Protein backbone atom coordinates (compact mmCIF):
# COMPACT_ATOMS: atom_id res chain seq x y z
CA MET A 1 53.68 15.57 51.36
CA ASN A 2 54.37 19.00 50.14
CA LYS A 3 57.36 19.85 52.06
CA GLN A 4 60.62 18.40 50.66
CA ARG A 5 62.78 15.61 52.99
CA ALA A 6 65.97 16.07 53.24
CA ARG A 7 66.60 12.05 52.57
CA ILE A 8 63.84 9.75 51.84
CA TRP A 9 64.29 5.91 51.15
CA VAL A 10 62.72 4.17 48.64
CA GLY A 11 61.68 -0.08 48.66
CA ILE A 12 61.21 -1.60 45.60
CA ASP A 13 59.14 -4.94 45.41
CA ALA A 14 60.05 -5.86 41.67
CA GLY A 15 57.63 -8.19 39.75
CA LYS A 16 56.68 -9.05 35.93
CA GLY A 17 54.33 -7.19 35.68
CA HIS A 18 54.30 -4.78 37.83
CA HIS A 19 56.39 -3.63 40.22
CA TRP A 20 55.37 -1.43 44.31
CA ALA A 21 57.26 1.12 45.36
CA ALA A 22 57.31 2.50 49.29
CA VAL A 23 58.75 5.34 50.41
CA VAL A 24 59.89 6.10 53.85
CA ASP A 25 61.34 9.41 55.51
CA GLU A 26 64.01 9.24 58.48
CA THR A 27 61.92 7.95 61.62
CA GLY A 28 60.83 5.36 59.22
CA ALA A 29 57.23 6.45 58.05
CA THR A 30 55.49 5.58 55.49
CA LEU A 31 55.29 9.30 52.75
CA TRP A 32 54.56 7.35 49.19
CA SER A 33 53.22 3.82 49.03
CA LYS A 34 51.96 2.82 44.69
CA LYS A 35 51.96 -0.04 42.18
CA ILE A 36 54.01 0.76 39.11
CA GLU A 37 52.92 -0.28 36.40
CA ASN A 38 56.16 -2.52 34.51
CA ASP A 39 56.18 0.62 31.63
CA GLU A 40 59.39 2.72 30.66
CA SER A 41 56.58 6.03 31.87
CA ALA A 42 54.60 4.54 34.55
CA ILE A 43 58.04 4.16 35.60
CA LEU A 44 59.35 7.59 34.71
CA THR A 45 56.33 9.17 36.33
CA THR A 46 56.86 7.34 39.27
CA LEU A 47 60.67 8.12 39.34
CA GLY A 48 59.82 11.92 39.18
CA GLU A 49 56.84 11.88 41.47
CA ILE A 50 59.83 10.51 44.36
CA LEU A 51 62.13 12.30 42.83
CA ASP A 52 60.00 15.97 44.22
CA LEU A 53 59.76 14.32 47.25
CA ALA A 54 63.28 14.35 48.86
CA ASP A 55 67.28 16.00 48.13
CA GLU A 56 68.72 12.50 48.89
CA VAL A 57 66.97 10.26 47.20
CA HIS A 58 68.35 6.30 48.35
CA TRP A 59 66.88 3.40 45.91
CA ALA A 60 66.73 -0.64 47.99
CA VAL A 61 65.12 -3.28 45.00
CA ASP A 62 64.26 -6.94 45.89
CA ILE A 63 64.85 -8.43 42.44
CA SER A 64 68.39 -7.99 40.20
CA SER A 65 67.15 -9.65 37.66
CA ARG A 66 65.96 -9.28 34.03
CA SER A 67 61.94 -8.75 36.26
CA SER A 68 63.59 -6.02 37.06
CA ALA A 69 66.31 -4.26 33.94
CA LEU A 70 63.70 -1.72 32.97
CA LEU A 71 63.48 -0.27 36.16
CA LEU A 72 67.28 -0.04 37.12
CA ALA A 73 68.05 1.13 33.67
CA LEU A 74 65.44 3.67 34.26
CA LEU A 75 67.45 4.25 37.11
CA ALA A 76 70.44 4.86 36.19
CA ALA A 77 69.82 7.12 32.83
CA HIS A 78 68.66 9.34 35.15
CA GLY A 79 71.50 9.57 37.40
CA GLN A 80 69.92 7.36 40.51
CA GLN A 81 71.94 3.68 41.85
CA ALA A 82 70.00 1.30 43.71
CA VAL A 83 70.95 -1.67 46.36
CA TYR A 84 70.22 -4.82 46.03
CA VAL A 85 68.24 -6.07 49.38
CA PRO A 86 68.26 -10.23 48.93
CA GLY A 87 65.22 -11.93 49.13
CA ARG A 88 66.26 -14.00 52.34
CA THR A 89 66.96 -10.43 54.42
CA VAL A 90 63.12 -9.09 53.24
CA ASN A 91 61.74 -12.14 54.22
CA ARG A 92 63.40 -12.27 57.94
CA MET A 93 63.31 -8.38 58.41
CA ALA A 94 59.67 -8.48 57.40
CA GLY A 95 58.90 -11.10 61.19
CA ALA A 96 60.59 -7.97 62.71
CA TYR A 97 57.24 -5.37 60.90
CA ARG A 98 53.69 -6.13 62.37
CA GLY A 99 51.25 -8.30 59.99
CA GLU A 100 51.02 -11.24 59.30
CA ALA A 101 50.31 -10.85 55.43
CA LYS A 102 52.71 -11.32 52.76
CA THR A 103 52.04 -8.04 50.41
CA ASP A 104 53.70 -6.23 47.74
CA ALA A 105 52.78 -2.91 49.26
CA ARG A 106 54.59 -4.82 53.09
CA ASP A 107 57.39 -6.28 51.44
CA ALA A 108 58.15 -2.93 49.71
CA TYR A 109 58.20 -1.27 53.08
CA VAL A 110 60.21 -3.85 54.43
CA ILE A 111 62.62 -2.99 51.66
CA ALA A 112 62.54 0.36 52.17
CA GLU A 113 62.93 0.67 56.34
CA THR A 114 66.02 -1.94 55.65
CA ALA A 115 68.03 -0.30 53.21
CA ARG A 116 67.22 2.77 55.68
CA HIS A 117 69.48 0.42 58.58
CA ARG A 118 72.27 -1.06 57.36
CA ARG A 119 73.91 0.48 54.63
CA ASP A 120 75.82 -2.68 53.32
CA PHE A 121 74.33 -3.87 50.98
CA ALA A 122 75.85 -3.89 47.18
CA THR A 123 75.09 -1.57 44.79
CA LEU A 124 73.98 -1.80 41.86
CA ASP A 125 75.58 -1.07 38.71
CA VAL A 126 74.14 -0.79 35.17
CA PRO A 127 75.58 -0.16 32.07
CA ALA A 128 75.36 3.22 30.49
CA GLN A 129 74.95 1.33 26.84
CA LEU A 130 72.29 -1.08 28.79
CA ALA A 131 70.50 1.55 29.65
CA ALA A 132 70.18 3.38 25.44
CA ASP A 133 70.04 -0.01 25.01
CA LEU A 134 66.75 -0.75 27.06
CA ALA A 135 65.46 2.39 25.72
CA LEU A 136 65.94 2.22 22.46
CA LEU A 137 64.02 -1.59 22.43
CA THR A 138 61.07 0.10 25.00
CA ALA A 139 60.82 2.58 22.23
CA HIS A 140 60.27 -0.47 19.46
CA ARG A 141 58.52 -2.09 21.74
CA THR A 142 55.94 1.06 21.77
CA ASP A 143 55.45 1.25 18.02
CA LEU A 144 55.27 -2.17 17.89
CA ILE A 145 52.07 -2.47 19.27
CA THR A 146 50.43 0.79 18.14
CA ASP A 147 51.24 -0.34 14.80
CA ARG A 148 49.34 -4.02 16.36
CA VAL A 149 46.31 -1.64 17.56
CA ARG A 150 45.69 0.21 14.18
CA THR A 151 46.09 -2.68 11.88
CA VAL A 152 43.03 -4.74 14.65
CA ASN A 153 41.12 -1.63 13.79
CA ARG A 154 41.31 -1.24 10.75
CA LEU A 155 40.75 -4.90 10.10
CA ARG A 156 37.51 -4.83 12.24
CA ASP A 157 36.88 -2.12 10.83
CA VAL A 158 36.69 -4.61 6.84
CA LEU A 159 35.10 -6.81 8.08
CA THR A 160 32.98 -5.01 9.35
CA GLY A 161 31.95 -3.72 5.98
CA MET A 162 32.22 -6.28 4.08
CA PHE A 163 29.64 -8.33 7.40
CA PRO A 164 26.97 -5.44 8.46
CA GLY A 165 24.92 -8.21 9.88
CA ARG A 166 26.90 -9.27 12.34
CA PRO A 167 29.38 -6.35 13.77
CA GLY A 168 29.09 -9.06 17.22
CA ALA A 169 30.88 -11.36 14.72
CA VAL A 170 34.05 -8.83 15.07
CA GLU A 171 34.33 -6.59 17.85
CA GLY A 172 35.37 -8.16 21.42
CA ARG A 173 37.99 -10.75 19.47
CA SER A 174 41.49 -10.94 19.36
CA THR A 175 43.91 -11.07 15.92
CA MET A 176 43.91 -14.82 15.16
CA THR A 177 40.27 -15.09 15.97
CA THR A 178 38.32 -12.29 13.79
CA ALA A 179 40.88 -13.51 11.54
CA ASP A 180 39.14 -17.34 11.31
CA ASN A 181 36.14 -15.57 11.80
CA CYS A 182 36.32 -14.03 8.99
CA ARG A 183 37.45 -17.39 7.15
CA GLN A 184 33.88 -18.63 8.53
CA LEU A 185 31.80 -15.53 7.26
CA SER A 186 33.36 -15.59 3.35
CA SER A 187 32.38 -19.25 3.47
CA ARG A 188 29.36 -19.43 4.32
CA SER A 189 28.10 -16.47 1.92
CA GLY A 190 30.05 -17.94 -0.15
CA ARG A 191 32.33 -15.05 -1.08
């Protein structure tokens, strides 16, 4: 893995919450196989790791819909193109490889191997504007999540200050539950 290869194939079994990526070389040997959260920073970290493995990287995915939109947009933003390997093809090709269990890692490997053997798959084109829009939306989502966490922590701090004898009533609860709990505590204490 220390030596940079001339060419590798990356198969990605895409999902809603996470993806699984497997990297194979010219001989079909697995060089890298990991679960990737469907999050911009995780995908970018993975992209960097994989691009460091070879001079020429061929990407293949099994889903070209919303669940892989962020992944495809980030690949396009970094000058990488992916091909679409249909699920039916993956299922049929899986029979050619050892093992009975259907796992994300195995599917990713089969996708990479299928792309290595066949060159007739359609290239997925992601418009540059879509990539820019997704990056903007992802950054905004990250800001919203950060703000929500900050707000929940402030609310917990205030509630703990108001009701110091009931720390367990505030900790470990969602915002809505904490707000409902605040109403209950207020009505009991007469505030």
